[in-house]
Amino acid sequence: MTIDHSILTIITFVPLAGALLLAILPDKGKTMQWGALGITLLTFVCTLHLPAHYDYSAAAGSYQFDTDHSWISSPAIHYHLGVDGLSMWLIVLTGFLAPLGVLIS
């Protein structure tokens, strides 16, 4: 199993883990601001994996970096993530705008 199979999960849950970490940090000086900036930059760096390893020659409409795990058997509920050519760039854009939003605030 390579990072390609779990990169979308990492991109999804790094901000959540960062929010939980920031919730328990003491509010001294600029600790929260620097922590938020660090977490959003880490998320942005993770999103850069997508265009660097995307297979542009794949069939149109196919998902890449696909993760599909059965979560609940009855009813059949799956944890399924994947990106196509358009959604990949939207994820990278979101990852780029998050640190800018933290810096501006």
PDB file of N, CA and C in Angstrom:
ATOM      1  N   MET A   1       0.845  -1.176   0.000  1.00  0.00           N
ATOM      2  CA  MET A   1       0.000   0.000   0.000  1.00  0.00           C
ATOM      3  C   MET A   1       0.893   1.243   0.000  1.00  0.00           C
ATOM      4  N   THR A   2       0.666   2.114  -0.959  1.00  0.00           N
ATOM      5  CA  THR A   2       1.449   3.341  -1.053  1.00  0.00           C
ATOM      6  C   THR A   2       0.653   4.504  -0.481  1.00  0.00           C
ATOM      7  N   ILE A   3       1.294   5.649  -0.446  1.00  0.00           N
ATOM      8  CA  ILE A   3       0.605   6.843   0.053  1.00  0.00           C
ATOM      9  C   ILE A   3      -0.517   7.260  -0.891  1.00  0.00           C
ATOM     10  N   ASP A   4      -0.463   6.826  -2.156  1.00  0.00           N
ATOM     11  CA  ASP A   4      -1.521   7.167  -3.104  1.00  0.00           C
ATOM     12  C   ASP A   4      -2.883   6.662  -2.645  1.00  0.00           C
ATOM     13  N   HIS A   5      -2.914   5.566  -1.914  1.00  0.00           N
ATOM     14  CA  HIS A   5      -4.183   5.004  -1.464  1.00  0.00           C
ATOM     15  C   HIS A   5      -4.728   5.697  -0.221  1.00  0.00           C
ATOM     16  N   SER A   6      -3.899   6.459   0.465  1.00  0.00           N
ATOM     17  CA  SER A   6      -4.365   7.097   1.699  1.00  0.00           C
ATOM     18  C   SER A   6      -4.215   8.614   1.699  1.00  0.00           C
ATOM     19  N   ILE A   7      -3.762   9.201   0.596  1.00  0.00           N
ATOM     20  CA  ILE A   7      -3.516  10.646   0.584  1.00  0.00           C
ATOM     21  C   ILE A   7      -4.795  11.444   0.777  1.00  0.00           C
ATOM     22  N   LEU A   8      -5.904  11.010   0.230  1.00  0.00           N
ATOM     23  CA  LEU A   8      -7.152  11.748   0.403  1.00  0.00           C
ATOM     24  C   LEU A   8      -7.644  11.682   1.842  1.00  0.00           C
ATOM     25  N   THR A   9      -7.427  10.555   2.495  1.00  0.00           N
ATOM     26  CA  THR A   9      -7.772  10.445   3.911  1.00  0.00           C
ATOM     27  C   THR A   9      -6.884  11.361   4.743  1.00  0.00           C
ATOM     28  N   ILE A  10      -5.614  11.425   4.403  1.00  0.00           N
ATOM     29  CA  ILE A  10      -4.687  12.310   5.116  1.00  0.00           C
ATOM     30  C   ILE A  10      -5.112  13.759   4.928  1.00  0.00           C
ATOM     31  N   ILE A  11      -5.431  14.143   3.703  1.00  0.00           N
ATOM     32  CA  ILE A  11      -5.851  15.522   3.428  1.00  0.00           C
ATOM     33  C   ILE A  11      -7.140  15.849   4.178  1.00  0.00           C
ATOM     34  N   THR A  12      -8.007  14.884   4.337  1.00  0.00           N
ATOM     35  CA  THR A  12      -9.270  15.116   5.023  1.00  0.00           C
ATOM     36  C   THR A  12      -9.100  15.251   6.529  1.00  0.00           C
ATOM     37  N   PHE A  13      -8.243  14.407   7.120  1.00  0.00           N
ATOM     38  CA  PHE A  13      -8.202  14.352   8.577  1.00  0.00           C
ATOM     39  C   PHE A  13      -7.062  15.132   9.226  1.00  0.00           C
ATOM     40  N   VAL A  14      -6.093  15.632   8.464  1.00  0.00           N
ATOM     41  CA  VAL A  14      -5.047  16.485   9.055  1.00  0.00           C
ATOM     42  C   VAL A  14      -5.658  17.761   9.652  1.00  0.00           C
ATOM     43  N   PRO A  15      -6.561  18.459   8.951  1.00  0.00           N
ATOM     44  CA  PRO A  15      -7.171  19.642   9.584  1.00  0.00           C
ATOM     45  C   PRO A  15      -7.992  19.305  10.828  1.00  0.00           C
ATOM     46  N   LEU A  16      -8.655  18.160  10.816  1.00  0.00           N
ATOM     47  CA  LEU A  16      -9.422  17.749  11.999  1.00  0.00           C
ATOM     48  C   LEU A  16      -8.500  17.481  13.182  1.00  0.00           C
ATOM     49  N   ALA A  17      -7.419  16.755  12.938  1.00  0.00           N
ATOM     50  CA  ALA A  17      -6.454  16.493  14.010  1.00  0.00           C
ATOM     51  C   ALA A  17      -5.813  17.792  14.482  1.00  0.00           C
ATOM     52  N   GLY A  18      -5.548  18.712  13.550  1.00  0.00           N
ATOM     53  CA  GLY A  18      -4.985  20.002  13.920  1.00  0.00           C
ATOM     54  C   GLY A  18      -5.941  20.825  14.765  1.00  0.00           C
ATOM     55  N   ALA A  19      -7.218  20.792  14.435  1.00  0.00           N
ATOM     56  CA  ALA A  19      -8.207  21.519  15.231  1.00  0.00           C
ATOM     57  C   ALA A  19      -8.287  20.961  16.648  1.00  0.00           C
ATOM     58  N   LEU A  20      -8.221  19.640  16.772  1.00  0.00           N
ATOM     59  CA  LEU A  20      -8.226  19.037  18.104  1.00  0.00           C
ATOM     60  C   LEU A  20      -6.968  19.398  18.880  1.00  0.00           C
ATOM     61  N   LEU A  21      -5.825  19.424  18.201  1.00  0.00           N
ATOM     62  CA  LEU A  21      -4.575  19.821  18.837  1.00  0.00           C
ATOM     63  C   LEU A  21      -4.628  21.278  19.287  1.00  0.00           C
ATOM     64  N   LEU A  22      -5.142  22.153  18.439  1.00  0.00           N
ATOM     65  CA  LEU A  22      -5.243  23.563  18.804  1.00  0.00           C
ATOM     66  C   LEU A  22      -6.228  23.788  19.949  1.00  0.00           C
ATOM     67  N   ALA A  23      -7.217  22.925  20.061  1.00  0.00           N
ATOM     68  CA  ALA A  23      -8.189  23.064  21.143  1.00  0.00           C
ATOM     69  C   ALA A  23      -7.563  22.797  22.509  1.00  0.00           C
ATOM     70  N   ILE A  24      -6.516  21.976  22.550  1.00  0.00           N
ATOM     71  CA  ILE A  24      -5.907  21.662  23.848  1.00  0.00           C
ATOM     72  C   ILE A  24      -4.660  22.497  24.132  1.00  0.00           C
ATOM     73  N   LEU A  25      -4.176  23.244  23.137  1.00  0.00           N
ATOM     74  CA  LEU A  25      -3.010  24.093  23.366  1.00  0.00           C
ATOM     75  C   LEU A  25      -3.387  25.302  24.216  1.00  0.00           C
ATOM     76  N   PRO A  26      -2.463  25.767  25.069  1.00  0.00           N
ATOM     77  CA  PRO A  26      -2.758  26.983  25.838  1.00  0.00           C
ATOM     78  C   PRO A  26      -2.747  28.203  24.924  1.00  0.00           C
ATOM     79  N   ASP A  27      -3.581  29.160  25.243  1.00  0.00           N
ATOM     80  CA  ASP A  27      -3.690  30.367  24.428  1.00  0.00           C
ATOM     81  C   ASP A  27      -2.696  31.411  24.931  1.00  0.00           C
ATOM     82  N   LYS A  28      -1.427  31.226  24.558  1.00  0.00           N
ATOM     83  CA  LYS A  28      -0.370  32.143  24.976  1.00  0.00           C
ATOM     84  C   LYS A  28       0.223  32.804  23.747  1.00  0.00           C
ATOM     85  N   GLY A  29       0.168  34.108  23.710  1.00  0.00           N
ATOM     86  CA  GLY A  29       0.762  34.837  22.604  1.00  0.00           C
ATOM     87  C   GLY A  29       0.136  34.467  21.273  1.00  0.00           C
ATOM     88  N   LYS A  30       0.972  34.112  20.338  1.00  0.00           N
ATOM     89  CA  LYS A  30       0.522  33.779  18.979  1.00  0.00           C
ATOM     90  C   LYS A  30       0.551  32.276  18.722  1.00  0.00           C
ATOM     91  N   THR A  31       0.448  31.490  19.762  1.00  0.00           N
ATOM     92  CA  THR A  31       0.507  30.028  19.624  1.00  0.00           C
ATOM     93  C   THR A  31      -0.574  29.511  18.693  1.00  0.00           C
ATOM     94  N   MET A  32      -1.783  29.978  18.874  1.00  0.00           N
ATOM     95  CA  MET A  32      -2.900  29.508  18.052  1.00  0.00           C
ATOM     96  C   MET A  32      -2.714  29.894  16.579  1.00  0.00           C
ATOM     97  N   GLN A  33      -2.287  31.118  16.345  1.00  0.00           N
ATOM     98  CA  GLN A  33      -2.124  31.577  14.968  1.00  0.00           C
ATOM     99  C   GLN A  33      -1.027  30.792  14.252  1.00  0.00           C
ATOM    100  N   TRP A  34       0.115  30.611  14.897  1.00  0.00           N
ATOM    101  CA  TRP A  34       1.208  29.857  14.283  1.00  0.00           C
ATOM    102  C   TRP A  34       0.832  28.390  14.109  1.00  0.00           C
ATOM    103  N   GLY A  35       0.112  27.836  15.082  1.00  0.00           N
ATOM    104  CA  GLY A  35      -0.334  26.449  14.963  1.00  0.00           C
ATOM    105  C   GLY A  35      -1.292  26.259  13.801  1.00  0.00           C
ATOM    106  N   ALA A  36      -2.252  27.189  13.661  1.00  0.00           N
ATOM    107  CA  ALA A  36      -3.209  27.112  12.553  1.00  0.00           C
ATOM    108  C   ALA A  36      -2.499  27.259  11.209  1.00  0.00           C
ATOM    109  N   LEU A  37      -1.533  28.172  11.146  1.00  0.00           N
ATOM    110  CA  LEU A  37      -0.776  28.344   9.899  1.00  0.00           C
ATOM    111  C   LEU A  37       0.021  27.085   9.567  1.00  0.00           C
ATOM    112  N   GLY A  38       0.649  26.492  10.566  1.00  0.00           N
ATOM    113  CA  GLY A  38       1.413  25.269  10.342  1.00  0.00           C
ATOM    114  C   GLY A  38       0.541  24.122   9.851  1.00  0.00           C
ATOM    115  N   ILE A  39      -0.632  23.981  10.428  1.00  0.00           N
ATOM    116  CA  ILE A  39      -1.536  22.893  10.036  1.00  0.00           C
ATOM    117  C   ILE A  39      -2.058  23.103   8.620  1.00  0.00           C
ATOM    118  N   THR A  40      -2.418  24.349   8.286  1.00  0.00           N
ATOM    119  CA  THR A  40      -2.919  24.593   6.937  1.00  0.00           C
ATOM    120  C   THR A  40      -1.806  24.457   5.893  1.00  0.00           C
ATOM    121  N   LEU A  41      -0.580  24.828   6.247  1.00  0.00           N
ATOM    122  CA  LEU A  41       0.534  24.621   5.318  1.00  0.00           C
ATOM    123  C   LEU A  41       0.822  23.137   5.114  1.00  0.00           C
ATOM    124  N   LEU A  42       0.733  22.355   6.188  1.00  0.00           N
ATOM    125  CA  LEU A  42       0.913  20.907   6.072  1.00  0.00           C
ATOM    126  C   LEU A  42      -0.160  20.300   5.166  1.00  0.00           C
ATOM    127  N   THR A  43      -1.384  20.756   5.311  1.00  0.00           N
ATOM    128  CA  THR A  43      -2.460  20.272   4.459  1.00  0.00           C
ATOM    129  C   THR A  43      -2.207  20.653   3.001  1.00  0.00           C
ATOM    130  N   PHE A  44      -1.747  21.884   2.769  1.00  0.00           N
ATOM    131  CA  PHE A  44      -1.447  22.313   1.407  1.00  0.00           C
ATOM    132  C   PHE A  44      -0.331  21.474   0.786  1.00  0.00           C
ATOM    133  N   VAL A  45       0.689  21.184   1.562  1.00  0.00           N
ATOM    134  CA  VAL A  45       1.788  20.344   1.052  1.00  0.00           C
ATOM    135  C   VAL A  45       1.261  18.957   0.692  1.00  0.00           C
ATOM    136  N   CYS A  46       0.350  18.439   1.492  1.00  0.00           N
ATOM    137  CA  CYS A  46      -0.250  17.127   1.180  1.00  0.00           C
ATOM    138  C   CYS A  46      -1.061  17.185  -0.114  1.00  0.00           C
ATOM    139  N   THR A  47      -1.747  18.299  -0.357  1.00  0.00           N
ATOM    140  CA  THR A  47      -2.538  18.391  -1.594  1.00  0.00           C
ATOM    141  C   THR A  47      -1.657  18.456  -2.826  1.00  0.00           C
ATOM    142  N   LEU A  48      -0.425  18.921  -2.682  1.00  0.00           N
ATOM    143  CA  LEU A  48       0.471  18.992  -3.838  1.00  0.00           C
ATOM    144  C   LEU A  48       0.887  17.614  -4.346  1.00  0.00           C
ATOM    145  N   HIS A  49       0.650  16.588  -3.544  1.00  0.00           N
ATOM    146  CA  HIS A  49       0.915  15.217  -3.989  1.00  0.00           C
ATOM    147  C   HIS A  49      -0.028  14.830  -5.136  1.00  0.00           C
ATOM    148  N   LEU A  50      -1.228  15.382  -5.134  1.00  0.00           N
ATOM    149  CA  LEU A  50      -2.221  14.990  -6.128  1.00  0.00           C
ATOM    150  C   LEU A  50      -1.800  15.329  -7.557  1.00  0.00           C
ATOM    151  N   PRO A  51      -1.508  16.605  -7.892  1.00  0.00           N
ATOM    152  CA  PRO A  51      -1.118  16.860  -9.293  1.00  0.00           C
ATOM    153  C   PRO A  51       0.244  16.278  -9.658  1.00  0.00           C
ATOM    154  N   ALA A  52       1.103  16.075  -8.671  1.00  0.00           N
ATOM    155  CA  ALA A  52       2.429  15.517  -8.970  1.00  0.00           C
ATOM    156  C   ALA A  52       2.344  14.045  -9.357  1.00  0.00           C
ATOM    157  N   HIS A  53       1.359  13.314  -8.849  1.00  0.00           N
ATOM    158  CA  HIS A  53       1.256  11.877  -9.113  1.00  0.00           C
ATOM    159  C   HIS A  53      -0.013  11.498  -9.869  1.00  0.00           C
ATOM    160  N   TYR A  54      -0.709  12.465 -10.395  1.00  0.00           N
ATOM    161  CA  TYR A  54      -1.929  12.199 -11.151  1.00  0.00           C
ATOM    162  C   TYR A  54      -1.578  11.628 -12.520  1.00  0.00           C
ATOM    163  N   ASP A  55      -2.312  10.621 -12.940  1.00  0.00           N
ATOM    164  CA  ASP A  55      -2.099  10.010 -14.252  1.00  0.00           C
ATOM    165  C   ASP A  55      -3.006  10.709 -15.259  1.00  0.00           C
ATOM    166  N   TYR A  56      -2.438  11.655 -15.982  1.00  0.00           N
ATOM    167  CA  TYR A  56      -3.210  12.459 -16.922  1.00  0.00           C
ATOM    168  C   TYR A  56      -3.635  11.668 -18.159  1.00  0.00           C
ATOM    169  N   SER A  57      -3.068  10.498 -18.361  1.00  0.00           N
ATOM    170  CA  SER A  57      -3.448   9.688 -19.515  1.00  0.00           C
ATOM    171  C   SER A  57      -4.559   8.687 -19.196  1.00  0.00           C
ATOM    172  N   ALA A  58      -5.075   8.733 -17.985  1.00  0.00           N
ATOM    173  CA  ALA A  58      -6.148   7.805 -17.590  1.00  0.00           C
ATOM    174  C   ALA A  58      -7.440   8.169 -18.320  1.00  0.00           C
ATOM    175  N   ALA A  59      -8.354   7.218 -18.371  1.00  0.00           N
ATOM    176  CA  ALA A  59      -9.631   7.427 -19.047  1.00  0.00           C
ATOM    177  C   ALA A  59     -10.408   8.554 -18.377  1.00  0.00           C
ATOM    178  N   ALA A  60     -11.086   9.346 -19.194  1.00  0.00           N
ATOM    179  CA  ALA A  60     -11.880  10.462 -18.668  1.00  0.00           C
ATOM    180  C   ALA A  60     -13.000   9.925 -17.769  1.00  0.00           C
ATOM    181  N   GLY A  61     -13.213  10.583 -16.665  1.00  0.00           N
ATOM    182  CA  GLY A  61     -14.267  10.173 -15.746  1.00  0.00           C
ATOM    183  C   GLY A  61     -13.851   9.108 -14.755  1.00  0.00           C
ATOM    184  N   SER A  62     -12.616   8.653 -14.818  1.00  0.00           N
ATOM    185  CA  SER A  62     -12.170   7.641 -13.862  1.00  0.00           C
ATOM    186  C   SER A  62     -11.586   8.318 -12.625  1.00  0.00           C
ATOM    187  N   TYR A  63     -11.732   7.657 -11.504  1.00  0.00           N
ATOM    188  CA  TYR A  63     -11.224   8.186 -10.245  1.00  0.00           C
ATOM    189  C   TYR A  63      -9.806   7.696 -10.001  1.00  0.00           C
ATOM    190  N   GLN A  64      -9.017   8.560  -9.400  1.00  0.00           N
ATOM    191  CA  GLN A  64      -7.664   8.187  -9.004  1.00  0.00           C
ATOM    192  C   GLN A  64      -7.514   8.435  -7.515  1.00  0.00           C
ATOM    193  N   PHE A  65      -6.451   7.900  -6.939  1.00  0.00           N
ATOM    194  CA  PHE A  65      -6.205   7.955  -5.494  1.00  0.00           C
ATOM    195  C   PHE A  65      -7.428   7.402  -4.758  1.00  0.00           C
ATOM    196  N   ASP A  66      -7.963   6.345  -5.305  1.00  0.00           N
ATOM    197  CA  ASP A  66      -9.223   5.763  -4.852  1.00  0.00           C
ATOM    198  C   ASP A  66      -9.045   5.027  -3.535  1.00  0.00           C
ATOM    199  N   THR A  67      -9.928   5.311  -2.585  1.00  0.00           N
ATOM    200  CA  THR A  67      -9.982   4.602  -1.313  1.00  0.00           C
ATOM    201  C   THR A  67     -11.405   4.106  -1.137  1.00  0.00           C
ATOM    202  N   ASP A  68     -11.579   2.822  -0.944  1.00  0.00           N
ATOM    203  CA  ASP A  68     -12.914   2.247  -0.773  1.00  0.00           C
ATOM    204  C   ASP A  68     -12.848   1.169   0.291  1.00  0.00           C
ATOM    205  N   HIS A  69     -13.450   1.453   1.446  1.00  0.00           N
ATOM    206  CA  HIS A  69     -13.479   0.494   2.551  1.00  0.00           C
ATOM    207  C   HIS A  69     -14.915   0.286   2.991  1.00  0.00           C
ATOM    208  N   SER A  70     -15.273  -0.960   3.219  1.00  0.00           N
ATOM    209  CA  SER A  70     -16.587  -1.255   3.750  1.00  0.00           C
ATOM    210  C   SER A  70     -16.642  -0.801   5.199  1.00  0.00           C
ATOM    211  N   TRP A  71     -17.663  -0.035   5.529  1.00  0.00           N
ATOM    212  CA  TRP A  71     -17.755   0.518   6.874  1.00  0.00           C
ATOM    213  C   TRP A  71     -18.842  -0.206   7.670  1.00  0.00           C
ATOM    214  N   ILE A  72     -20.055  -0.221   7.159  1.00  0.00           N
ATOM    215  CA  ILE A  72     -21.170  -0.912   7.796  1.00  0.00           C
ATOM    216  C   ILE A  72     -21.710  -1.900   6.778  1.00  0.00           C
ATOM    217  N   SER A  73     -21.840  -3.171   7.202  1.00  0.00           N
ATOM    218  CA  SER A  73     -22.221  -4.196   6.228  1.00  0.00           C
ATOM    219  C   SER A  73     -23.707  -4.154   5.863  1.00  0.00           C
ATOM    220  N   SER A  74     -24.562  -3.875   6.816  1.00  0.00           N
ATOM    221  CA  SER A  74     -25.984  -3.837   6.504  1.00  0.00           C
ATOM    222  C   SER A  74     -26.599  -2.593   7.126  1.00  0.00           C
ATOM    223  N   PRO A  75     -27.001  -1.625   6.377  1.00  0.00           N
ATOM    224  CA  PRO A  75     -26.962  -1.485   4.929  1.00  0.00           C
ATOM    225  C   PRO A  75     -25.533  -1.287   4.441  1.00  0.00           C
ATOM    226  N   ALA A  76     -25.301  -1.513   3.184  1.00  0.00           N
ATOM    227  CA  ALA A  76     -23.951  -1.455   2.621  1.00  0.00           C
ATOM    228  C   ALA A  76     -23.473  -0.007   2.549  1.00  0.00           C
ATOM    229  N   ILE A  77     -22.708   0.384   3.562  1.00  0.00           N
ATOM    230  CA  ILE A  77     -22.168   1.736   3.630  1.00  0.00           C
ATOM    231  C   ILE A  77     -20.659   1.645   3.526  1.00  0.00           C
ATOM    232  N   HIS A  78     -20.091   2.435   2.606  1.00  0.00           N
ATOM    233  CA  HIS A  78     -18.656   2.409   2.348  1.00  0.00           C
ATOM    234  C   HIS A  78     -18.053   3.775   2.614  1.00  0.00           C
ATOM    235  N   TYR A  79     -16.790   3.759   3.024  1.00  0.00           N
ATOM    236  CA  TYR A  79     -15.969   4.961   3.083  1.00  0.00           C
ATOM    237  C   TYR A  79     -15.231   5.002   1.758  1.00  0.00           C
ATOM    238  N   HIS A  80     -15.651   5.894   0.863  1.00  0.00           N
ATOM    239  CA  HIS A  80     -15.128   5.886  -0.504  1.00  0.00           C
ATOM    240  C   HIS A  80     -14.711   7.305  -0.887  1.00  0.00           C
ATOM    241  N   LEU A  81     -13.446   7.467  -1.229  1.00  0.00           N
ATOM    242  CA  LEU A  81     -12.910   8.739  -1.690  1.00  0.00           C
ATOM    243  C   LEU A  81     -12.174   8.522  -3.004  1.00  0.00           C
ATOM    244  N   GLY A  82     -12.248   9.509  -3.868  1.00  0.00           N
ATOM    245  CA  GLY A  82     -11.523   9.469  -5.127  1.00  0.00           C
ATOM    246  C   GLY A  82     -11.601  10.839  -5.779  1.00  0.00           C
ATOM    247  N   VAL A  83     -10.655  11.127  -6.658  1.00  0.00           N
ATOM    248  CA  VAL A  83     -10.671  12.412  -7.363  1.00  0.00           C
ATOM    249  C   VAL A  83     -10.581  12.176  -8.862  1.00  0.00           C
ATOM    250  N   ASP A  84     -11.183  13.097  -9.592  1.00  0.00           N
ATOM    251  CA  ASP A  84     -11.007  13.109 -11.042  1.00  0.00           C
ATOM    252  C   ASP A  84     -10.218  14.369 -11.395  1.00  0.00           C
ATOM    253  N   GLY A  85     -10.074  14.649 -12.656  1.00  0.00           N
ATOM    254  CA  GLY A  85      -9.240  15.757 -13.091  1.00  0.00           C
ATOM    255  C   GLY A  85      -9.713  17.119 -12.617  1.00  0.00           C
ATOM    256  N   LEU A  86     -11.001  17.316 -12.481  1.00  0.00           N
ATOM    257  CA  LEU A  86     -11.526  18.610 -12.037  1.00  0.00           C
ATOM    258  C   LEU A  86     -11.461  18.755 -10.517  1.00  0.00           C
ATOM    259  N   SER A  87     -11.909  17.745  -9.799  1.00  0.00           N
ATOM    260  CA  SER A  87     -11.942  17.848  -8.339  1.00  0.00           C
ATOM    261  C   SER A  87     -10.539  17.905  -7.743  1.00  0.00           C
ATOM    262  N   MET A  88      -9.556  17.328  -8.414  1.00  0.00           N
ATOM    263  CA  MET A  88      -8.183  17.395  -7.920  1.00  0.00           C
ATOM    264  C   MET A  88      -7.739  18.848  -7.803  1.00  0.00           C
ATOM    265  N   TRP A  89      -8.001  19.647  -8.839  1.00  0.00           N
ATOM    266  CA  TRP A  89      -7.578  21.051  -8.805  1.00  0.00           C
ATOM    267  C   TRP A  89      -8.371  21.856  -7.786  1.00  0.00           C
ATOM    268  N   LEU A  90      -9.612  21.484  -7.534  1.00  0.00           N
ATOM    269  CA  LEU A  90     -10.392  22.172  -6.506  1.00  0.00           C
ATOM    270  C   LEU A  90      -9.850  21.871  -5.114  1.00  0.00           C
ATOM    271  N   ILE A  91      -9.368  20.658  -4.897  1.00  0.00           N
ATOM    272  CA  ILE A  91      -8.753  20.306  -3.621  1.00  0.00           C
ATOM    273  C   ILE A  91      -7.455  21.081  -3.430  1.00  0.00           C
ATOM    274  N   VAL A  92      -6.651  21.174  -4.485  1.00  0.00           N
ATOM    275  CA  VAL A  92      -5.398  21.934  -4.400  1.00  0.00           C
ATOM    276  C   VAL A  92      -5.695  23.414  -4.154  1.00  0.00           C
ATOM    277  N   LEU A  93      -6.712  23.950  -4.809  1.00  0.00           N
ATOM    278  CA  LEU A  93      -7.089  25.346  -4.598  1.00  0.00           C
ATOM    279  C   LEU A  93      -7.531  25.593  -3.154  1.00  0.00           C
ATOM    280  N   THR A  94      -8.304  24.692  -2.607  1.00  0.00           N
ATOM    281  CA  THR A  94      -8.720  24.816  -1.216  1.00  0.00           C
ATOM    282  C   THR A  94      -7.520  24.755  -0.281  1.00  0.00           C
ATOM    283  N   GLY A  95      -6.600  23.839  -0.566  1.00  0.00           N
ATOM    284  CA  GLY A  95      -5.386  23.749   0.238  1.00  0.00           C
ATOM    285  C   GLY A  95      -4.536  25.002   0.145  1.00  0.00           C
ATOM    286  N   PHE A  96      -4.546  25.669  -1.013  1.00  0.00           N
ATOM    287  CA  PHE A  96      -3.793  26.910  -1.198  1.00  0.00           C
ATOM    288  C   PHE A  96      -4.456  28.081  -0.484  1.00  0.00           C
ATOM    289  N   LEU A  97      -5.784  28.137  -0.515  1.00  0.00           N
ATOM    290  CA  LEU A  97      -6.497  29.262   0.083  1.00  0.00           C
ATOM    291  C   LEU A  97      -6.559  29.208   1.606  1.00  0.00           C
ATOM    292  N   ALA A  98      -6.461  28.034   2.187  1.00  0.00           N
ATOM    293  CA  ALA A  98      -6.541  27.911   3.643  1.00  0.00           C
ATOM    294  C   ALA A  98      -5.413  28.671   4.356  1.00  0.00           C
ATOM    295  N   PRO A  99      -4.132  28.513   3.972  1.00  0.00           N
ATOM    296  CA  PRO A  99      -3.092  29.312   4.642  1.00  0.00           C
ATOM    297  C   PRO A  99      -3.251  30.808   4.400  1.00  0.00           C
ATOM    298  N   LEU A 100      -3.726  31.178   3.211  1.00  0.00           N
ATOM    299  CA  LEU A 100      -3.964  32.595   2.959  1.00  0.00           C
ATOM    300  C   LEU A 100      -5.048  33.150   3.871  1.00  0.00           C
ATOM    301  N   GLY A 101      -6.088  32.367   4.092  1.00  0.00           N
ATOM    302  CA  GLY A 101      -7.150  32.780   5.006  1.00  0.00           C
ATOM    303  C   GLY A 101      -6.655  32.934   6.426  1.00  0.00           C
ATOM    304  N   VAL A 102      -5.771  32.035   6.842  1.00  0.00           N
ATOM    305  CA  VAL A 102      -5.197  32.137   8.195  1.00  0.00           C
ATOM    306  C   VAL A 102      -4.303  33.365   8.289  1.00  0.00           C
ATOM    307  N   LEU A 103      -3.505  33.628   7.268  1.00  0.00           N
ATOM    308  CA  LEU A 103      -2.629  34.798   7.288  1.00  0.00           C
ATOM    309  C   LEU A 103      -3.418  36.106   7.297  1.00  0.00           C
ATOM    310  N   ILE A 104      -4.481  36.162   6.523  1.00  0.00           N
ATOM    311  CA  ILE A 104      -5.278  37.379   6.441  1.00  0.00           C
ATOM    312  C   ILE A 104      -6.035  37.629   7.739  1.00  0.00           C
ATOM    313  N   SER A 105      -6.472  36.562   8.394  1.00  0.00           N
ATOM    314  CA  SER A 105      -7.219  36.745   9.649  1.00  0.00           C
ATOM    315  C   SER A 105      -6.286  37.066  10.788  1.00  0.00           C
TER     316      SER A 105
END
